[in-house]
Amino acid sequence: MKSETPIRVLVAEDHLIARVGITTILNAQSDISVVAEASNGQQAIELFSATQPDVGLLDVRMPVVGGIEAVMAIRSAFPAARLICLSTYGGDEDIRRALHAGAASYLTKDVLHDDLLKAVRAVAAGQDYLPEQVLAAIQAQIPGPALSARELEVLELIVKGLANKQIAYVLSIAEHTVKNHVKSILDKLAVEDRTQAATAAIQRGIVHLP
């Protein structure tokens, strides 16, 4: 039996069409009501505080303040907040960052209608919810040694197509130091060359293209 009081939801999504679509799907349910809509992470933080919904649904990539940062800010102010991250990206690193920040669920934007509703209802009930494809992404990639901050900088420049000499110039470090970082990156990502490293970085959500 459904509760007489609808699940109150905040939807934070910077793309208008996507936000309207999600809101329309949720409002069509008798047990769910969208009480606030935000177009960036800062608005999401402010509106969550103002409305204190049962569930916050936040896009990972938003202007002003990103979705992950918004999740951390909301959970810092409201430790019991129940939040869902929504993203175009389904890489294991994206998912781990969201869950580590405090999200109870992670959905990709190609999520089926039923999964969206299941996630909202499960999270409102105090449960975690990860669709099969999200669980598969995490399980398919066993985490290796973490990349250092400098290695992440080098990897981002590799993804942009810069050669070692160019990376050395951009980061103001010696070229042989760059070569050492590249070798470490290849080892940690378990790949054989720079092209595979760039591909893995994008697919796993370690680096996002602009």
N, C-alpha and C. Protein backbone atom coordinates (compact mmCIF):
# COMPACT_ATOMS: atom_id res chain seq x y z
N MET A 1 0.84 -1.20 0.00
CA MET A 1 0.00 0.00 0.00
C MET A 1 0.87 1.25 0.00
N LYS A 2 0.58 2.17 -0.90
CA LYS A 2 1.40 3.37 -1.01
C LYS A 2 1.09 4.38 0.10
N SER A 3 2.10 5.12 0.47
CA SER A 3 1.93 6.12 1.51
C SER A 3 1.03 7.24 1.00
N GLU A 4 0.22 7.81 1.90
CA GLU A 4 -0.65 8.92 1.51
C GLU A 4 0.15 10.18 1.27
N THR A 5 1.31 10.28 1.89
CA THR A 5 2.17 11.45 1.70
C THR A 5 3.17 11.17 0.60
N PRO A 6 3.14 11.94 -0.49
CA PRO A 6 4.05 11.68 -1.61
C PRO A 6 5.52 11.87 -1.21
N ILE A 7 6.38 11.16 -1.90
CA ILE A 7 7.83 11.33 -1.72
C ILE A 7 8.20 12.66 -2.34
N ARG A 8 8.78 13.54 -1.55
CA ARG A 8 9.13 14.88 -2.02
C ARG A 8 10.53 14.87 -2.62
N VAL A 9 10.65 15.30 -3.88
CA VAL A 9 11.91 15.18 -4.62
C VAL A 9 12.41 16.53 -5.13
N LEU A 10 13.72 16.74 -5.00
CA LEU A 10 14.42 17.86 -5.63
C LEU A 10 15.11 17.32 -6.88
N VAL A 11 14.90 17.96 -8.02
CA VAL A 11 15.56 17.57 -9.27
C VAL A 11 16.56 18.66 -9.65
N ALA A 12 17.83 18.30 -9.73
CA ALA A 12 18.88 19.26 -10.12
C ALA A 12 19.53 18.78 -11.41
N GLU A 13 19.30 19.51 -12.49
CA GLU A 13 19.79 19.13 -13.82
C GLU A 13 19.91 20.41 -14.65
N ASP A 14 21.10 20.66 -15.21
CA ASP A 14 21.29 21.93 -15.92
C ASP A 14 20.67 21.96 -17.31
N HIS A 15 20.40 20.80 -17.91
CA HIS A 15 19.77 20.79 -19.23
C HIS A 15 18.25 20.81 -19.06
N LEU A 16 17.63 21.86 -19.58
CA LEU A 16 16.20 22.08 -19.38
C LEU A 16 15.35 20.90 -19.84
N ILE A 17 15.62 20.40 -21.04
CA ILE A 17 14.80 19.32 -21.58
C ILE A 17 14.88 18.07 -20.70
N ALA A 18 16.10 17.75 -20.26
CA ALA A 18 16.27 16.59 -19.38
C ALA A 18 15.56 16.81 -18.05
N ARG A 19 15.69 18.03 -17.52
CA ARG A 19 15.05 18.32 -16.22
C ARG A 19 13.53 18.22 -16.32
N VAL A 20 12.98 18.77 -17.40
CA VAL A 20 11.52 18.71 -17.60
C VAL A 20 11.08 17.26 -17.77
N GLY A 21 11.87 16.48 -18.51
CA GLY A 21 11.52 15.08 -18.72
C GLY A 21 11.48 14.28 -17.43
N ILE A 22 12.52 14.46 -16.60
CA ILE A 22 12.59 13.76 -15.32
C ILE A 22 11.44 14.19 -14.42
N THR A 23 11.22 15.49 -14.36
CA THR A 23 10.16 16.03 -13.51
C THR A 23 8.79 15.50 -13.94
N THR A 24 8.56 15.44 -15.24
CA THR A 24 7.28 14.95 -15.77
C THR A 24 7.06 13.49 -15.39
N ILE A 25 8.11 12.68 -15.54
CA ILE A 25 8.00 11.25 -15.17
C ILE A 25 7.67 11.09 -13.69
N LEU A 26 8.37 11.85 -12.85
CA LEU A 26 8.17 11.72 -11.41
C LEU A 26 6.80 12.24 -10.98
N ASN A 27 6.39 13.37 -11.52
CA ASN A 27 5.10 13.95 -11.13
C ASN A 27 3.91 13.15 -11.63
N ALA A 28 4.15 12.26 -12.58
CA ALA A 28 3.07 11.41 -13.09
C ALA A 28 2.73 10.28 -12.12
N GLN A 29 3.57 10.11 -11.11
CA GLN A 29 3.35 9.06 -10.10
C GLN A 29 2.54 9.62 -8.93
N SER A 30 1.59 8.83 -8.47
CA SER A 30 0.74 9.31 -7.38
C SER A 30 1.48 9.42 -6.05
N ASP A 31 2.61 8.69 -5.94
CA ASP A 31 3.34 8.68 -4.67
C ASP A 31 4.61 9.51 -4.69
N ILE A 32 4.80 10.31 -5.77
CA ILE A 32 6.00 11.14 -5.88
C ILE A 32 5.62 12.55 -6.31
N SER A 33 6.29 13.54 -5.71
CA SER A 33 6.02 14.93 -6.07
C SER A 33 7.34 15.71 -6.12
N VAL A 34 7.61 16.36 -7.24
CA VAL A 34 8.81 17.20 -7.36
C VAL A 34 8.50 18.54 -6.71
N VAL A 35 9.27 18.88 -5.67
CA VAL A 35 8.99 20.09 -4.90
C VAL A 35 9.95 21.24 -5.24
N ALA A 36 11.03 20.92 -5.97
CA ALA A 36 11.99 21.96 -6.34
C ALA A 36 12.81 21.50 -7.54
N GLU A 37 13.21 22.48 -8.37
CA GLU A 37 14.06 22.21 -9.52
C GLU A 37 15.23 23.17 -9.52
N ALA A 38 16.43 22.63 -9.76
CA ALA A 38 17.64 23.45 -9.78
C ALA A 38 18.37 23.25 -11.11
N SER A 39 19.03 24.31 -11.58
CA SER A 39 19.75 24.23 -12.85
C SER A 39 21.26 24.22 -12.66
N ASN A 40 21.72 24.30 -11.41
CA ASN A 40 23.16 24.16 -11.13
C ASN A 40 23.34 23.67 -9.69
N GLY A 41 24.57 23.29 -9.38
CA GLY A 41 24.84 22.71 -8.07
C GLY A 41 24.60 23.64 -6.90
N GLN A 42 24.90 24.92 -7.09
CA GLN A 42 24.69 25.87 -6.00
C GLN A 42 23.20 26.02 -5.68
N GLN A 43 22.38 26.08 -6.73
CA GLN A 43 20.94 26.14 -6.52
C GLN A 43 20.45 24.87 -5.81
N ALA A 44 21.04 23.74 -6.19
CA ALA A 44 20.63 22.47 -5.57
C ALA A 44 20.89 22.50 -4.07
N ILE A 45 22.05 23.01 -3.68
CA ILE A 45 22.38 23.10 -2.26
C ILE A 45 21.40 24.01 -1.53
N GLU A 46 21.13 25.18 -2.13
CA GLU A 46 20.24 26.16 -1.50
C GLU A 46 18.80 25.65 -1.43
N LEU A 47 18.33 25.02 -2.51
CA LEU A 47 16.95 24.55 -2.54
C LEU A 47 16.76 23.32 -1.65
N PHE A 48 17.81 22.51 -1.52
CA PHE A 48 17.70 21.37 -0.61
C PHE A 48 17.53 21.89 0.81
N SER A 49 18.29 22.90 1.17
CA SER A 49 18.19 23.48 2.50
C SER A 49 16.82 24.11 2.74
N ALA A 50 16.30 24.77 1.69
CA ALA A 50 15.02 25.47 1.83
C ALA A 50 13.82 24.52 1.88
N THR A 51 13.88 23.44 1.11
CA THR A 51 12.72 22.54 1.01
C THR A 51 12.88 21.24 1.78
N GLN A 52 14.14 20.85 2.03
CA GLN A 52 14.45 19.59 2.72
C GLN A 52 13.59 18.43 2.20
N PRO A 53 13.80 18.07 0.94
CA PRO A 53 13.02 16.99 0.33
C PRO A 53 13.41 15.62 0.88
N ASP A 54 12.61 14.63 0.55
CA ASP A 54 12.92 13.25 0.97
C ASP A 54 14.07 12.70 0.14
N VAL A 55 14.15 13.12 -1.12
CA VAL A 55 15.18 12.63 -2.04
C VAL A 55 15.68 13.77 -2.90
N GLY A 56 16.99 13.83 -3.09
CA GLY A 56 17.58 14.79 -4.03
C GLY A 56 18.13 14.02 -5.21
N LEU A 57 17.77 14.41 -6.42
CA LEU A 57 18.26 13.78 -7.64
C LEU A 57 19.15 14.79 -8.34
N LEU A 58 20.48 14.54 -8.37
CA LEU A 58 21.44 15.54 -8.85
C LEU A 58 22.27 15.03 -10.02
N ASP A 59 22.33 15.83 -11.08
CA ASP A 59 23.21 15.54 -12.20
C ASP A 59 24.65 15.72 -11.71
N VAL A 60 25.54 14.83 -12.15
CA VAL A 60 26.93 14.90 -11.72
C VAL A 60 27.65 16.13 -12.29
N ARG A 61 27.38 16.46 -13.55
CA ARG A 61 28.09 17.57 -14.19
C ARG A 61 27.14 18.75 -14.35
N MET A 62 27.29 19.72 -13.46
CA MET A 62 26.50 20.94 -13.50
C MET A 62 27.41 22.15 -13.35
N PRO A 63 26.97 23.32 -13.86
CA PRO A 63 27.78 24.53 -13.70
C PRO A 63 27.74 25.07 -12.28
N VAL A 64 28.61 26.03 -12.03
CA VAL A 64 28.75 26.74 -10.75
C VAL A 64 29.34 25.81 -9.69
N VAL A 65 28.57 24.80 -9.30
CA VAL A 65 29.05 23.76 -8.38
C VAL A 65 28.67 22.42 -8.99
N GLY A 66 29.63 21.51 -9.11
CA GLY A 66 29.36 20.20 -9.69
C GLY A 66 28.48 19.35 -8.80
N GLY A 67 27.88 18.31 -9.38
CA GLY A 67 26.97 17.46 -8.63
C GLY A 67 27.62 16.74 -7.47
N ILE A 68 28.83 16.24 -7.66
CA ILE A 68 29.53 15.54 -6.57
C ILE A 68 29.80 16.49 -5.42
N GLU A 69 30.27 17.70 -5.75
CA GLU A 69 30.53 18.71 -4.71
C GLU A 69 29.24 19.09 -4.00
N ALA A 70 28.14 19.16 -4.76
CA ALA A 70 26.85 19.49 -4.16
C ALA A 70 26.40 18.39 -3.20
N VAL A 71 26.61 17.14 -3.59
CA VAL A 71 26.27 16.02 -2.71
C VAL A 71 27.05 16.12 -1.41
N MET A 72 28.34 16.41 -1.50
CA MET A 72 29.17 16.52 -0.30
C MET A 72 28.69 17.66 0.59
N ALA A 73 28.35 18.80 -0.02
CA ALA A 73 27.89 19.95 0.75
C ALA A 73 26.56 19.67 1.44
N ILE A 74 25.65 19.03 0.71
CA ILE A 74 24.34 18.71 1.29
C ILE A 74 24.47 17.71 2.43
N ARG A 75 25.30 16.66 2.20
CA ARG A 75 25.47 15.66 3.25
C ARG A 75 26.19 16.22 4.47
N SER A 76 27.04 17.23 4.24
CA SER A 76 27.73 17.87 5.36
C SER A 76 26.73 18.62 6.23
N ALA A 77 25.78 19.31 5.57
CA ALA A 77 24.78 20.09 6.31
C ALA A 77 23.64 19.22 6.82
N PHE A 78 23.30 18.18 6.04
CA PHE A 78 22.20 17.28 6.40
C PHE A 78 22.68 15.83 6.26
N PRO A 79 23.32 15.29 7.29
CA PRO A 79 23.92 13.95 7.22
C PRO A 79 22.95 12.84 6.83
N ALA A 80 21.67 13.03 7.09
CA ALA A 80 20.68 12.00 6.76
C ALA A 80 20.10 12.17 5.36
N ALA A 81 20.58 13.15 4.61
CA ALA A 81 20.04 13.42 3.27
C ALA A 81 20.15 12.18 2.39
N ARG A 82 19.12 11.91 1.64
CA ARG A 82 19.08 10.77 0.73
C ARG A 82 19.21 11.30 -0.70
N LEU A 83 20.32 10.96 -1.36
CA LEU A 83 20.65 11.57 -2.64
C LEU A 83 20.94 10.54 -3.72
N ILE A 84 20.55 10.89 -4.94
CA ILE A 84 20.79 10.06 -6.12
C ILE A 84 21.62 10.87 -7.11
N CYS A 85 22.67 10.29 -7.64
CA CYS A 85 23.46 10.95 -8.69
C CYS A 85 23.03 10.43 -10.05
N LEU A 86 22.91 11.36 -10.99
CA LEU A 86 22.52 11.03 -12.35
C LEU A 86 23.60 11.54 -13.28
N SER A 87 24.04 10.70 -14.24
CA SER A 87 25.14 11.11 -15.10
C SER A 87 25.07 10.47 -16.48
N THR A 88 25.65 11.17 -17.44
CA THR A 88 25.82 10.60 -18.78
C THR A 88 26.87 9.49 -18.72
N TYR A 89 27.77 9.60 -17.76
CA TYR A 89 28.92 8.70 -17.66
C TYR A 89 28.66 7.56 -16.69
N GLY A 90 29.09 6.35 -17.10
CA GLY A 90 28.91 5.18 -16.25
C GLY A 90 30.22 4.51 -15.90
N GLY A 91 31.32 5.26 -15.91
CA GLY A 91 32.62 4.70 -15.57
C GLY A 91 32.73 4.39 -14.09
N ASP A 92 33.54 3.39 -13.76
CA ASP A 92 33.62 2.96 -12.36
C ASP A 92 34.14 4.05 -11.44
N GLU A 93 35.05 4.90 -11.92
CA GLU A 93 35.57 5.97 -11.07
C GLU A 93 34.51 7.02 -10.79
N ASP A 94 33.68 7.33 -11.79
CA ASP A 94 32.55 8.25 -11.58
C ASP A 94 31.64 7.72 -10.49
N ILE A 95 31.32 6.44 -10.59
CA ILE A 95 30.40 5.83 -9.64
C ILE A 95 30.99 5.83 -8.23
N ARG A 96 32.26 5.46 -8.13
CA ARG A 96 32.91 5.41 -6.81
C ARG A 96 32.97 6.80 -6.17
N ARG A 97 33.25 7.83 -6.99
CA ARG A 97 33.30 9.19 -6.44
C ARG A 97 31.94 9.60 -5.88
N ALA A 98 30.89 9.27 -6.62
CA ALA A 98 29.54 9.64 -6.18
C ALA A 98 29.16 8.92 -4.89
N LEU A 99 29.43 7.63 -4.83
CA LEU A 99 29.09 6.86 -3.64
C LEU A 99 29.93 7.29 -2.44
N HIS A 100 31.20 7.58 -2.70
CA HIS A 100 32.08 8.04 -1.62
C HIS A 100 31.63 9.40 -1.08
N ALA A 101 31.07 10.22 -1.97
CA ALA A 101 30.58 11.55 -1.55
C ALA A 101 29.33 11.45 -0.70
N GLY A 102 28.64 10.31 -0.79
CA GLY A 102 27.45 10.13 0.05
C GLY A 102 26.17 9.83 -0.70
N ALA A 103 26.24 9.63 -2.02
CA ALA A 103 25.04 9.29 -2.78
C ALA A 103 24.60 7.87 -2.44
N ALA A 104 23.30 7.66 -2.40
CA ALA A 104 22.75 6.34 -2.10
C ALA A 104 22.44 5.56 -3.37
N SER A 105 22.50 6.27 -4.51
CA SER A 105 22.21 5.62 -5.79
C SER A 105 22.94 6.36 -6.90
N TYR A 106 23.21 5.66 -7.99
CA TYR A 106 23.86 6.25 -9.16
C TYR A 106 23.16 5.72 -10.40
N LEU A 107 22.65 6.62 -11.21
CA LEU A 107 21.94 6.24 -12.43
C LEU A 107 22.58 6.91 -13.63
N THR A 108 22.65 6.19 -14.74
CA THR A 108 23.09 6.81 -15.98
C THR A 108 21.86 7.36 -16.70
N LYS A 109 22.08 8.33 -17.58
CA LYS A 109 20.94 9.03 -18.20
C LYS A 109 20.19 8.19 -19.23
N ASP A 110 20.74 7.01 -19.56
CA ASP A 110 19.98 6.11 -20.43
C ASP A 110 19.18 5.11 -19.58
N VAL A 111 19.04 5.45 -18.29
CA VAL A 111 18.34 4.58 -17.36
C VAL A 111 16.89 4.38 -17.82
N LEU A 112 16.40 3.17 -17.60
CA LEU A 112 15.01 2.89 -17.93
C LEU A 112 14.08 3.60 -16.97
N HIS A 113 12.91 3.94 -17.46
CA HIS A 113 11.87 4.61 -16.67
C HIS A 113 11.66 3.90 -15.33
N ASP A 114 11.57 2.56 -15.36
CA ASP A 114 11.31 1.80 -14.13
C ASP A 114 12.45 1.92 -13.13
N ASP A 115 13.70 1.95 -13.61
CA ASP A 115 14.84 2.07 -12.71
C ASP A 115 14.85 3.41 -12.00
N LEU A 116 14.47 4.46 -12.70
CA LEU A 116 14.41 5.79 -12.09
C LEU A 116 13.41 5.78 -10.93
N LEU A 117 12.24 5.23 -11.16
CA LEU A 117 11.21 5.19 -10.12
C LEU A 117 11.60 4.26 -8.98
N LYS A 118 12.21 3.13 -9.32
CA LYS A 118 12.68 2.20 -8.27
C LYS A 118 13.72 2.88 -7.39
N ALA A 119 14.63 3.63 -8.03
CA ALA A 119 15.68 4.30 -7.28
C ALA A 119 15.10 5.33 -6.32
N VAL A 120 14.19 6.15 -6.80
CA VAL A 120 13.59 7.19 -5.95
C VAL A 120 12.86 6.55 -4.76
N ARG A 121 12.09 5.51 -5.03
CA ARG A 121 11.33 4.88 -3.95
C ARG A 121 12.24 4.15 -2.96
N ALA A 122 13.27 3.48 -3.48
CA ALA A 122 14.20 2.77 -2.60
C ALA A 122 14.98 3.73 -1.72
N VAL A 123 15.50 4.79 -2.33
CA VAL A 123 16.31 5.76 -1.58
C VAL A 123 15.45 6.48 -0.54
N ALA A 124 14.20 6.80 -0.90
CA ALA A 124 13.28 7.44 0.05
C ALA A 124 13.01 6.52 1.24
N ALA A 125 13.07 5.22 1.00
CA ALA A 125 12.81 4.24 2.06
C ALA A 125 14.07 3.93 2.88
N GLY A 126 15.17 4.64 2.58
CA GLY A 126 16.39 4.45 3.34
C GLY A 126 17.31 3.38 2.80
N GLN A 127 17.04 2.93 1.57
CA GLN A 127 17.86 1.88 0.96
C GLN A 127 18.80 2.47 -0.08
N ASP A 128 19.86 1.74 -0.39
CA ASP A 128 20.73 2.09 -1.51
C ASP A 128 20.19 1.39 -2.75
N TYR A 129 20.45 1.98 -3.92
CA TYR A 129 19.95 1.37 -5.16
C TYR A 129 20.94 1.57 -6.29
N LEU A 130 21.46 0.47 -6.82
CA LEU A 130 22.36 0.51 -7.96
C LEU A 130 21.83 -0.44 -9.02
N PRO A 131 21.47 0.08 -10.21
CA PRO A 131 20.99 -0.79 -11.29
C PRO A 131 22.07 -1.80 -11.69
N GLU A 132 21.66 -2.85 -12.39
CA GLU A 132 22.59 -3.92 -12.77
C GLU A 132 23.79 -3.41 -13.56
N GLN A 133 23.55 -2.47 -14.51
CA GLN A 133 24.66 -2.00 -15.34
C GLN A 133 25.67 -1.19 -14.53
N VAL A 134 25.21 -0.53 -13.48
CA VAL A 134 26.11 0.23 -12.62
C VAL A 134 26.94 -0.72 -11.76
N LEU A 135 26.29 -1.73 -11.21
CA LEU A 135 27.02 -2.74 -10.43
C LEU A 135 28.05 -3.45 -11.31
N ALA A 136 27.67 -3.72 -12.55
CA ALA A 136 28.58 -4.41 -13.47
C ALA A 136 29.81 -3.56 -13.75
N ALA A 137 29.62 -2.24 -13.89
CA ALA A 137 30.74 -1.34 -14.16
C ALA A 137 31.74 -1.34 -13.02
N ILE A 138 31.24 -1.39 -11.78
CA ILE A 138 32.13 -1.41 -10.62
C ILE A 138 32.85 -2.75 -10.52
N GLN A 139 32.10 -3.83 -10.71
CA GLN A 139 32.67 -5.17 -10.54
C GLN A 139 33.64 -5.53 -11.65
N ALA A 140 33.45 -4.92 -12.84
CA ALA A 140 34.31 -5.26 -13.98
C ALA A 140 35.71 -4.66 -13.83
N GLN A 141 35.83 -3.65 -12.99
CA GLN A 141 37.10 -2.97 -12.85
C GLN A 141 37.57 -3.01 -11.41
N ILE A 142 38.53 -3.88 -11.14
CA ILE A 142 39.08 -3.96 -9.79
C ILE A 142 39.99 -2.75 -9.58
N PRO A 143 39.77 -1.95 -8.57
CA PRO A 143 40.59 -0.76 -8.36
C PRO A 143 42.06 -1.10 -8.18
N GLY A 144 42.92 -0.41 -8.90
CA GLY A 144 44.36 -0.59 -8.74
C GLY A 144 44.90 0.51 -7.85
N PRO A 145 46.23 0.65 -7.79
CA PRO A 145 46.82 1.74 -7.01
C PRO A 145 46.30 3.09 -7.49
N ALA A 146 46.03 3.98 -6.57
CA ALA A 146 45.49 5.29 -6.93
C ALA A 146 46.55 6.14 -7.62
N LEU A 147 46.10 6.91 -8.59
CA LEU A 147 46.99 7.86 -9.26
C LEU A 147 47.25 9.04 -8.33
N SER A 148 48.47 9.54 -8.35
CA SER A 148 48.79 10.73 -7.55
C SER A 148 48.20 11.96 -8.24
N ALA A 149 48.18 13.08 -7.53
CA ALA A 149 47.66 14.32 -8.09
C ALA A 149 48.44 14.71 -9.35
N ARG A 150 49.76 14.55 -9.31
CA ARG A 150 50.59 14.89 -10.47
C ARG A 150 50.31 13.93 -11.63
N GLU A 151 50.15 12.66 -11.32
CA GLU A 151 49.84 11.69 -12.37
C GLU A 151 48.50 12.00 -13.03
N LEU A 152 47.54 12.45 -12.25
CA LEU A 152 46.25 12.84 -12.82
C LEU A 152 46.42 14.02 -13.77
N GLU A 153 47.27 14.98 -13.39
CA GLU A 153 47.54 16.12 -14.27
C GLU A 153 48.16 15.66 -15.59
N VAL A 154 49.13 14.76 -15.48
CA VAL A 154 49.79 14.22 -16.68
C VAL A 154 48.79 13.45 -17.54
N LEU A 155 47.95 12.65 -16.90
CA LEU A 155 46.96 11.86 -17.64
C LEU A 155 45.97 12.76 -18.37
N GLU A 156 45.54 13.83 -17.73
CA GLU A 156 44.63 14.77 -18.39
C GLU A 156 45.26 15.37 -19.65
N LEU A 157 46.56 15.64 -19.59
CA LEU A 157 47.25 16.21 -20.75
C LEU A 157 47.49 15.15 -21.82
N ILE A 158 47.68 13.91 -21.41
CA ILE A 158 47.78 12.81 -22.37
C ILE A 158 46.46 12.68 -23.14
N VAL A 159 45.36 12.76 -22.42
CA VAL A 159 44.04 12.68 -23.04
C VAL A 159 43.85 13.81 -24.06
N LYS A 160 44.43 14.98 -23.76
CA LYS A 160 44.33 16.11 -24.68
C LYS A 160 45.28 15.98 -25.87
N GLY A 161 46.11 14.93 -25.86
CA GLY A 161 46.98 14.67 -27.00
C GLY A 161 48.36 15.29 -26.94
N LEU A 162 48.77 15.78 -25.77
CA LEU A 162 50.08 16.41 -25.65
C LEU A 162 51.19 15.36 -25.55
N ALA A 163 52.33 15.67 -26.18
CA ALA A 163 53.51 14.81 -26.09
C ALA A 163 54.25 15.10 -24.79
N ASN A 164 55.22 14.25 -24.45
CA ASN A 164 55.95 14.41 -23.19
C ASN A 164 56.60 15.79 -23.06
N LYS A 165 57.21 16.26 -24.15
CA LYS A 165 57.88 17.56 -24.12
C LYS A 165 56.89 18.68 -23.83
N GLN A 166 55.70 18.59 -24.43
CA GLN A 166 54.67 19.61 -24.21
C GLN A 166 54.15 19.54 -22.78
N ILE A 167 53.97 18.32 -22.28
CA ILE A 167 53.51 18.15 -20.90
C ILE A 167 54.53 18.74 -19.92
N ALA A 168 55.80 18.49 -20.19
CA ALA A 168 56.87 19.03 -19.35
C ALA A 168 56.81 20.55 -19.31
N TYR A 169 56.55 21.17 -20.47
CA TYR A 169 56.48 22.63 -20.54
C TYR A 169 55.27 23.16 -19.77
N VAL A 170 54.12 22.51 -19.97
CA VAL A 170 52.89 22.96 -19.31
C VAL A 170 53.00 22.86 -17.79
N LEU A 171 53.59 21.77 -17.31
CA LEU A 171 53.67 21.54 -15.87
C LEU A 171 54.96 22.05 -15.24
N SER A 172 55.85 22.60 -16.08
CA SER A 172 57.12 23.15 -15.61
C SER A 172 57.95 22.10 -14.87
N ILE A 173 58.03 20.91 -15.48
CA ILE A 173 58.85 19.85 -14.90
C ILE A 173 59.75 19.28 -16.01
N ALA A 174 60.74 18.50 -15.63
CA ALA A 174 61.67 17.94 -16.61
C ALA A 174 60.99 16.86 -17.44
N GLU A 175 61.44 16.70 -18.69
CA GLU A 175 60.83 15.71 -19.57
C GLU A 175 61.01 14.30 -19.04
N HIS A 176 62.19 14.02 -18.44
CA HIS A 176 62.40 12.66 -17.91
C HIS A 176 61.45 12.38 -16.74
N THR A 177 61.06 13.44 -16.02
CA THR A 177 60.08 13.28 -14.94
C THR A 177 58.72 12.91 -15.51
N VAL A 178 58.38 13.54 -16.63
CA VAL A 178 57.12 13.20 -17.31
C VAL A 178 57.13 11.74 -17.73
N LYS A 179 58.26 11.29 -18.29
CA LYS A 179 58.37 9.90 -18.73
C LYS A 179 58.17 8.93 -17.56
N ASN A 180 58.70 9.29 -16.41
CA ASN A 180 58.51 8.46 -15.22
C ASN A 180 57.04 8.40 -14.81
N HIS A 181 56.38 9.57 -14.87
CA HIS A 181 54.95 9.62 -14.53
C HIS A 181 54.13 8.79 -15.50
N VAL A 182 54.47 8.88 -16.79
CA VAL A 182 53.73 8.13 -17.81
C VAL A 182 53.88 6.63 -17.56
N LYS A 183 55.09 6.18 -17.25
CA LYS A 183 55.32 4.76 -16.97
C LYS A 183 54.48 4.31 -15.77
N SER A 184 54.45 5.13 -14.73
CA SER A 184 53.67 4.80 -13.54
C SER A 184 52.18 4.74 -13.86
N ILE A 185 51.72 5.67 -14.69
CA ILE A 185 50.31 5.71 -15.08
C ILE A 185 49.94 4.44 -15.85
N LEU A 186 50.79 4.04 -16.79
CA LEU A 186 50.52 2.83 -17.57
C LEU A 186 50.45 1.60 -16.66
N ASP A 187 51.36 1.55 -15.71
CA ASP A 187 51.37 0.42 -14.76
C ASP A 187 50.10 0.39 -13.92
N LYS A 188 49.73 1.54 -13.39
CA LYS A 188 48.56 1.60 -12.50
C LYS A 188 47.25 1.33 -13.24
N LEU A 189 47.17 1.74 -14.49
CA LEU A 189 45.95 1.51 -15.28
C LEU A 189 45.97 0.16 -15.98
N ALA A 190 47.10 -0.54 -15.88
CA ALA A 190 47.26 -1.85 -16.51
C ALA A 190 47.03 -1.78 -18.01
N VAL A 191 47.66 -0.79 -18.65
CA VAL A 191 47.57 -0.62 -20.10
C VAL A 191 48.98 -0.58 -20.69
N GLU A 192 49.05 -0.70 -22.02
CA GLU A 192 50.36 -0.84 -22.66
C GLU A 192 50.92 0.44 -23.25
N ASP A 193 50.06 1.39 -23.59
CA ASP A 193 50.57 2.61 -24.21
C ASP A 193 49.69 3.81 -23.88
N ARG A 194 50.11 4.97 -24.38
CA ARG A 194 49.41 6.22 -24.06
C ARG A 194 47.98 6.23 -24.61
N THR A 195 47.79 5.66 -25.80
CA THR A 195 46.45 5.63 -26.39
C THR A 195 45.50 4.82 -25.51
N GLN A 196 45.97 3.67 -25.05
CA GLN A 196 45.14 2.85 -24.16
C GLN A 196 44.89 3.56 -22.84
N ALA A 197 45.89 4.30 -22.38
CA ALA A 197 45.73 5.06 -21.12
C ALA A 197 44.65 6.12 -21.28
N ALA A 198 44.67 6.85 -22.40
CA ALA A 198 43.66 7.88 -22.65
C ALA A 198 42.27 7.27 -22.76
N THR A 199 42.18 6.14 -23.46
CA THR A 199 40.89 5.47 -23.62
C THR A 199 40.34 5.00 -22.27
N ALA A 200 41.21 4.39 -21.47
CA ALA A 200 40.79 3.90 -20.15
C ALA A 200 40.37 5.06 -19.25
N ALA A 201 41.10 6.18 -19.33
CA ALA A 201 40.80 7.34 -18.50
C ALA A 201 39.41 7.89 -18.79
N ILE A 202 39.04 7.91 -20.06
CA ILE A 202 37.72 8.44 -20.45
C ILE A 202 36.62 7.45 -20.12
N GLN A 203 36.83 6.17 -20.48
CA GLN A 203 35.81 5.16 -20.25
C GLN A 203 35.51 4.96 -18.78
N ARG A 204 36.55 5.05 -17.94
CA ARG A 204 36.36 4.81 -16.52
C ARG A 204 35.92 6.05 -15.75
N GLY A 205 35.96 7.20 -16.43
CA GLY A 205 35.54 8.42 -15.75
C GLY A 205 36.63 9.05 -14.92
N ILE A 206 37.89 8.66 -15.16
CA ILE A 206 39.00 9.27 -14.43
C ILE A 206 39.24 10.69 -14.97
N VAL A 207 39.08 10.85 -16.27
CA VAL A 207 39.18 12.16 -16.94
C VAL A 207 37.96 12.35 -17.80
N HIS A 208 37.38 13.53 -17.76
CA HIS A 208 36.23 13.85 -18.61
C HIS A 208 36.63 14.83 -19.70
N LEU A 209 36.16 14.56 -20.91
CA LEU A 209 36.38 15.51 -21.98
C LEU A 209 35.51 16.73 -21.75
N PRO A 210 35.98 17.92 -22.17
CA PRO A 210 35.17 19.13 -21.96
C PRO A 210 33.86 19.06 -22.73
